[in-house]
Amino acid sequence: LAKKVKPPFLPKIKESVDVSNFDSEFTSLQPILSPPPVSCSLSPEQQEAFADFDFSALHG
């Protein structure tokens, strides 16, 4: 993106997990796992795009 237009508002963020700019209506909700309706596999090229991604969901 060229980012030629300055945003009218830049929120102040205290830390990387700061959610103070989101309404508590949303931040108080419990997250719900929503897997895709159809299972799919990624190609080797698509897998490479996530090479440094280290998150793994906890199922329990």
PDB file of N, CA and C in Angstrom:
ATOM      1  N   LEU A   1       0.830  -1.188   0.000  1.00  0.00           N
ATOM      2  CA  LEU A   1       0.000   0.000   0.000  1.00  0.00           C
ATOM      3  C   LEU A   1       0.872   1.248   0.000  1.00  0.00           C
ATOM      4  N   ALA A   2       0.442   2.227  -0.726  1.00  0.00           N
ATOM      5  CA  ALA A   2       1.217   3.453  -0.834  1.00  0.00           C
ATOM      6  C   ALA A   2       1.094   4.329   0.409  1.00  0.00           C
ATOM      7  N   LYS A   3      -0.004   4.230   1.134  1.00  0.00           N
ATOM      8  CA  LYS A   3      -0.231   5.005   2.360  1.00  0.00           C
ATOM      9  C   LYS A   3      -0.024   6.498   2.127  1.00  0.00           C
ATOM     10  N   LYS A   4      -0.641   7.024   1.087  1.00  0.00           N
ATOM     11  CA  LYS A   4      -0.488   8.438   0.754  1.00  0.00           C
ATOM     12  C   LYS A   4      -1.422   9.340   1.554  1.00  0.00           C
ATOM     13  N   VAL A   5      -2.493   8.776   2.108  1.00  0.00           N
ATOM     14  CA  VAL A   5      -3.456   9.566   2.864  1.00  0.00           C
ATOM     15  C   VAL A   5      -3.197   9.364   4.350  1.00  0.00           C
ATOM     16  N   LYS A   6      -3.050  10.458   5.071  1.00  0.00           N
ATOM     17  CA  LYS A   6      -2.835  10.357   6.519  1.00  0.00           C
ATOM     18  C   LYS A   6      -4.153  10.010   7.197  1.00  0.00           C
ATOM     19  N   PRO A   7      -4.131   9.068   8.128  1.00  0.00           N
ATOM     20  CA  PRO A   7      -5.369   8.704   8.824  1.00  0.00           C
ATOM     21  C   PRO A   7      -5.843   9.860   9.706  1.00  0.00           C
ATOM     22  N   PRO A   8      -7.156  10.041   9.826  1.00  0.00           N
ATOM     23  CA  PRO A   8      -7.670  11.133  10.650  1.00  0.00           C
ATOM     24  C   PRO A   8      -7.479  10.874  12.145  1.00  0.00           C
ATOM     25  N   PHE A   9      -7.262   9.618  12.514  1.00  0.00           N
ATOM     26  CA  PHE A   9      -7.125   9.262  13.925  1.00  0.00           C
ATOM     27  C   PHE A   9      -6.121   8.129  14.058  1.00  0.00           C
ATOM     28  N   LEU A  10      -5.153   8.292  14.924  1.00  0.00           N
ATOM     29  CA  LEU A  10      -4.205   7.223  15.231  1.00  0.00           C
ATOM     30  C   LEU A  10      -4.412   6.836  16.690  1.00  0.00           C
ATOM     31  N   PRO A  11      -4.922   5.639  16.938  1.00  0.00           N
ATOM     32  CA  PRO A  11      -5.167   5.241  18.326  1.00  0.00           C
ATOM     33  C   PRO A  11      -3.864   5.080  19.094  1.00  0.00           C
ATOM     34  N   LYS A  12      -3.913   5.404  20.370  1.00  0.00           N
ATOM     35  CA  LYS A  12      -2.748   5.201  21.229  1.00  0.00           C
ATOM     36  C   LYS A  12      -2.787   3.757  21.712  1.00  0.00           C
ATOM     37  N   ILE A  13      -1.712   3.056  21.492  1.00  0.00           N
ATOM     38  CA  ILE A  13      -1.624   1.648  21.864  1.00  0.00           C
ATOM     39  C   ILE A  13      -0.553   1.510  22.933  1.00  0.00           C
ATOM     40  N   LYS A  14      -0.939   0.930  24.063  1.00  0.00           N
ATOM     41  CA  LYS A  14      -0.031   0.819  25.205  1.00  0.00           C
ATOM     42  C   LYS A  14       0.944  -0.345  25.076  1.00  0.00           C
ATOM     43  N   GLU A  15       0.483  -1.434  24.468  1.00  0.00           N
ATOM     44  CA  GLU A  15       1.318  -2.622  24.286  1.00  0.00           C
ATOM     45  C   GLU A  15       0.748  -3.448  23.150  1.00  0.00           C
ATOM     46  N   SER A  16       1.435  -4.498  22.763  1.00  0.00           N
ATOM     47  CA  SER A  16       1.026  -5.273  21.590  1.00  0.00           C
ATOM     48  C   SER A  16      -0.326  -5.959  21.749  1.00  0.00           C
ATOM     49  N   VAL A  17      -0.762  -6.205  22.974  1.00  0.00           N
ATOM     50  CA  VAL A  17      -2.056  -6.863  23.195  1.00  0.00           C
ATOM     51  C   VAL A  17      -3.116  -5.892  23.727  1.00  0.00           C
ATOM     52  N   ASP A  18      -2.901  -4.610  23.549  1.00  0.00           N
ATOM     53  CA  ASP A  18      -3.826  -3.582  24.022  1.00  0.00           C
ATOM     54  C   ASP A  18      -5.131  -3.617  23.227  1.00  0.00           C
ATOM     55  N   VAL A  19      -6.239  -3.818  23.915  1.00  0.00           N
ATOM     56  CA  VAL A  19      -7.553  -3.831  23.263  1.00  0.00           C
ATOM     57  C   VAL A  19      -8.431  -2.681  23.761  1.00  0.00           C
ATOM     58  N   SER A  20      -7.825  -1.667  24.352  1.00  0.00           N
ATOM     59  CA  SER A  20      -8.594  -0.571  24.936  1.00  0.00           C
ATOM     60  C   SER A  20      -9.355   0.248  23.892  1.00  0.00           C
ATOM     61  N   ASN A  21      -9.001   0.121  22.628  1.00  0.00           N
ATOM     62  CA  ASN A  21      -9.710   0.847  21.574  1.00  0.00           C
ATOM     63  C   ASN A  21     -10.922   0.083  21.041  1.00  0.00           C
ATOM     64  N   PHE A  22     -11.165  -1.105  21.579  1.00  0.00           N
ATOM     65  CA  PHE A  22     -12.322  -1.901  21.191  1.00  0.00           C
ATOM     66  C   PHE A  22     -13.367  -1.835  22.294  1.00  0.00           C
ATOM     67  N   ASP A  23     -14.612  -1.779  21.927  1.00  0.00           N
ATOM     68  CA  ASP A  23     -15.698  -1.721  22.899  1.00  0.00           C
ATOM     69  C   ASP A  23     -15.748  -3.014  23.705  1.00  0.00           C
ATOM     70  N   SER A  24     -16.044  -2.887  24.990  1.00  0.00           N
ATOM     71  CA  SER A  24     -16.107  -4.068  25.859  1.00  0.00           C
ATOM     72  C   SER A  24     -17.204  -5.039  25.429  1.00  0.00           C
ATOM     73  N   GLU A  25     -18.152  -4.563  24.637  1.00  0.00           N
ATOM     74  CA  GLU A  25     -19.176  -5.457  24.084  1.00  0.00           C
ATOM     75  C   GLU A  25     -18.506  -6.606  23.329  1.00  0.00           C
ATOM     76  N   PHE A  26     -17.395  -6.323  22.697  1.00  0.00           N
ATOM     77  CA  PHE A  26     -16.696  -7.330  21.902  1.00  0.00           C
ATOM     78  C   PHE A  26     -15.582  -8.018  22.687  1.00  0.00           C
ATOM     79  N   THR A  27     -14.873  -7.267  23.513  1.00  0.00           N
ATOM     80  CA  THR A  27     -13.754  -7.863  24.239  1.00  0.00           C
ATOM     81  C   THR A  27     -14.202  -8.761  25.381  1.00  0.00           C
ATOM     82  N   SER A  28     -15.460  -8.656  25.793  1.00  0.00           N
ATOM     83  CA  SER A  28     -15.953  -9.511  26.876  1.00  0.00           C
ATOM     84  C   SER A  28     -16.522 -10.833  26.360  1.00  0.00           C
ATOM     85  N   LEU A  29     -16.650 -10.977  25.053  1.00  0.00           N
ATOM     86  CA  LEU A  29     -17.182 -12.216  24.483  1.00  0.00           C
ATOM     87  C   LEU A  29     -16.153 -13.338  24.560  1.00  0.00           C
ATOM     88  N   GLN A  30     -16.639 -14.549  24.763  1.00  0.00           N
ATOM     89  CA  GLN A  30     -15.758 -15.711  24.721  1.00  0.00           C
ATOM     90  C   GLN A  30     -15.468 -16.042  23.258  1.00  0.00           C
ATOM     91  N   PRO A  31     -14.220 -16.283  22.906  1.00  0.00           N
ATOM     92  CA  PRO A  31     -13.913 -16.644  21.519  1.00  0.00           C
ATOM     93  C   PRO A  31     -14.498 -18.013  21.174  1.00  0.00           C
ATOM     94  N   ILE A  32     -14.903 -18.158  19.935  1.00  0.00           N
ATOM     95  CA  ILE A  32     -15.470 -19.417  19.452  1.00  0.00           C
ATOM     96  C   ILE A  32     -14.637 -19.895  18.272  1.00  0.00           C
ATOM     97  N   LEU A  33     -14.167 -21.124  18.352  1.00  0.00           N
ATOM     98  CA  LEU A  33     -13.416 -21.706  17.254  1.00  0.00           C
ATOM     99  C   LEU A  33     -14.354 -21.922  16.078  1.00  0.00           C
ATOM    100  N   SER A  34     -13.990 -21.412  14.931  1.00  0.00           N
ATOM    101  CA  SER A  34     -14.848 -21.560  13.753  1.00  0.00           C
ATOM    102  C   SER A  34     -14.036 -22.132  12.593  1.00  0.00           C
ATOM    103  N   PRO A  35     -13.877 -23.445  12.590  1.00  0.00           N
ATOM    104  CA  PRO A  35     -13.103 -24.071  11.510  1.00  0.00           C
ATOM    105  C   PRO A  35     -13.834 -23.944  10.176  1.00  0.00           C
ATOM    106  N   PRO A  36     -13.110 -24.050   9.083  1.00  0.00           N
ATOM    107  CA  PRO A  36     -13.766 -23.953   7.770  1.00  0.00           C
ATOM    108  C   PRO A  36     -14.760 -25.096   7.586  1.00  0.00           C
ATOM    109  N   PRO A  37     -15.824 -24.863   6.824  1.00  0.00           N
ATOM    110  CA  PRO A  37     -16.838 -25.905   6.637  1.00  0.00           C
ATOM    111  C   PRO A  37     -16.308 -27.127   5.885  1.00  0.00           C
ATOM    112  N   VAL A  38     -15.284 -26.924   5.068  1.00  0.00           N
ATOM    113  CA  VAL A  38     -14.702 -28.025   4.304  1.00  0.00           C
ATOM    114  C   VAL A  38     -13.211 -28.081   4.615  1.00  0.00           C
ATOM    115  N   SER A  39     -12.743 -29.252   4.972  1.00  0.00           N
ATOM    116  CA  SER A  39     -11.324 -29.412   5.262  1.00  0.00           C
ATOM    117  C   SER A  39     -10.518 -29.245   3.973  1.00  0.00           C
ATOM    118  N   CYS A  40      -9.375 -28.595   4.084  1.00  0.00           N
ATOM    119  CA  CYS A  40      -8.538 -28.419   2.899  1.00  0.00           C
ATOM    120  C   CYS A  40      -7.067 -28.522   3.289  1.00  0.00           C
ATOM    121  N   SER A  41      -6.256 -28.863   2.331  1.00  0.00           N
ATOM    122  CA  SER A  41      -4.813 -28.955   2.539  1.00  0.00           C
ATOM    123  C   SER A  41      -4.130 -27.832   1.781  1.00  0.00           C
ATOM    124  N   LEU A  42      -3.024 -27.366   2.342  1.00  0.00           N
ATOM    125  CA  LEU A  42      -2.265 -26.313   1.682  1.00  0.00           C
ATOM    126  C   LEU A  42      -1.189 -26.920   0.792  1.00  0.00           C
ATOM    127  N   SER A  43      -0.924 -26.255  -0.305  1.00  0.00           N
ATOM    128  CA  SER A  43       0.149 -26.689  -1.196  1.00  0.00           C
ATOM    129  C   SER A  43       1.488 -26.397  -0.519  1.00  0.00           C
ATOM    130  N   PRO A  44       2.573 -27.001  -0.991  1.00  0.00           N
ATOM    131  CA  PRO A  44       3.891 -26.687  -0.411  1.00  0.00           C
ATOM    132  C   PRO A  44       4.205 -25.188  -0.467  1.00  0.00           C
ATOM    133  N   GLU A  45       3.794 -24.520  -1.530  1.00  0.00           N
ATOM    134  CA  GLU A  45       4.037 -23.080  -1.647  1.00  0.00           C
ATOM    135  C   GLU A  45       3.254 -22.312  -0.575  1.00  0.00           C
ATOM    136  N   GLN A  46       2.017 -22.728  -0.349  1.00  0.00           N
ATOM    137  CA  GLN A  46       1.211 -22.080   0.685  1.00  0.00           C
ATOM    138  C   GLN A  46       1.777 -22.368   2.069  1.00  0.00           C
ATOM    139  N   GLN A  47       2.236 -23.585   2.294  1.00  0.00           N
ATOM    140  CA  GLN A  47       2.851 -23.937   3.575  1.00  0.00           C
ATOM    141  C   GLN A  47       4.076 -23.069   3.838  1.00  0.00           C
ATOM    142  N   GLU A  48       4.854 -22.803   2.803  1.00  0.00           N
ATOM    143  CA  GLU A  48       6.062 -21.993   2.945  1.00  0.00           C
ATOM    144  C   GLU A  48       5.734 -20.580   3.428  1.00  0.00           C
ATOM    145  N   ALA A  49       4.579 -20.066   3.033  1.00  0.00           N
ATOM    146  CA  ALA A  49       4.170 -18.728   3.467  1.00  0.00           C
ATOM    147  C   ALA A  49       4.011 -18.662   4.986  1.00  0.00           C
ATOM    148  N   PHE A  50       3.793 -19.811   5.620  1.00  0.00           N
ATOM    149  CA  PHE A  50       3.600 -19.871   7.066  1.00  0.00           C
ATOM    150  C   PHE A  50       4.801 -20.486   7.785  1.00  0.00           C
ATOM    151  N   ALA A  51       5.943 -20.490   7.157  1.00  0.00           N
ATOM    152  CA  ALA A  51       7.128 -21.152   7.708  1.00  0.00           C
ATOM    153  C   ALA A  51       7.490 -20.651   9.108  1.00  0.00           C
ATOM    154  N   ASP A  52       7.332 -19.369   9.376  1.00  0.00           N
ATOM    155  CA  ASP A  52       7.714 -18.813  10.678  1.00  0.00           C
ATOM    156  C   ASP A  52       6.538 -18.677  11.640  1.00  0.00           C
ATOM    157  N   PHE A  53       5.396 -19.185  11.264  1.00  0.00           N
ATOM    158  CA  PHE A  53       4.198 -19.088  12.096  1.00  0.00           C
ATOM    159  C   PHE A  53       4.207 -20.257  13.071  1.00  0.00           C
ATOM    160  N   ASP A  54       4.197 -19.968  14.378  1.00  0.00           N
ATOM    161  CA  ASP A  54       4.356 -21.048  15.345  1.00  0.00           C
ATOM    162  C   ASP A  54       3.158 -21.249  16.271  1.00  0.00           C
ATOM    163  N   PHE A  55       2.008 -20.697  15.935  1.00  0.00           N
ATOM    164  CA  PHE A  55       0.825 -20.882  16.770  1.00  0.00           C
ATOM    165  C   PHE A  55       0.219 -22.257  16.543  1.00  0.00           C
ATOM    166  N   SER A  56      -0.199 -22.902  17.606  1.00  0.00           N
ATOM    167  CA  SER A  56      -0.969 -24.136  17.465  1.00  0.00           C
ATOM    168  C   SER A  56      -2.127 -24.072  18.450  1.00  0.00           C
ATOM    169  N   ALA A  57      -3.315 -24.330  17.964  1.00  0.00           N
ATOM    170  CA  ALA A  57      -4.515 -24.252  18.796  1.00  0.00           C
ATOM    171  C   ALA A  57      -4.517 -25.378  19.820  1.00  0.00           C
ATOM    172  N   LEU A  58      -5.027 -25.069  20.982  1.00  0.00           N
ATOM    173  CA  LEU A  58      -5.161 -26.086  22.021  1.00  0.00           C
ATOM    174  C   LEU A  58      -6.564 -26.664  21.940  1.00  0.00           C
ATOM    175  N   HIS A  59      -6.645 -27.940  21.733  1.00  0.00           N
ATOM    176  CA  HIS A  59      -7.949 -28.606  21.676  1.00  0.00           C
ATOM    177  C   HIS A  59      -8.102 -29.417  22.947  1.00  0.00           C
ATOM    178  N   GLY A  60      -9.230 -29.266  23.592  1.00  0.00           N
ATOM    179  CA  GLY A  60      -9.355 -30.014  24.823  1.00  0.00           C
ATOM    180  C   GLY A  60     -10.714 -30.243  25.287  1.00  0.00           C
TER     181      GLY A  60
END
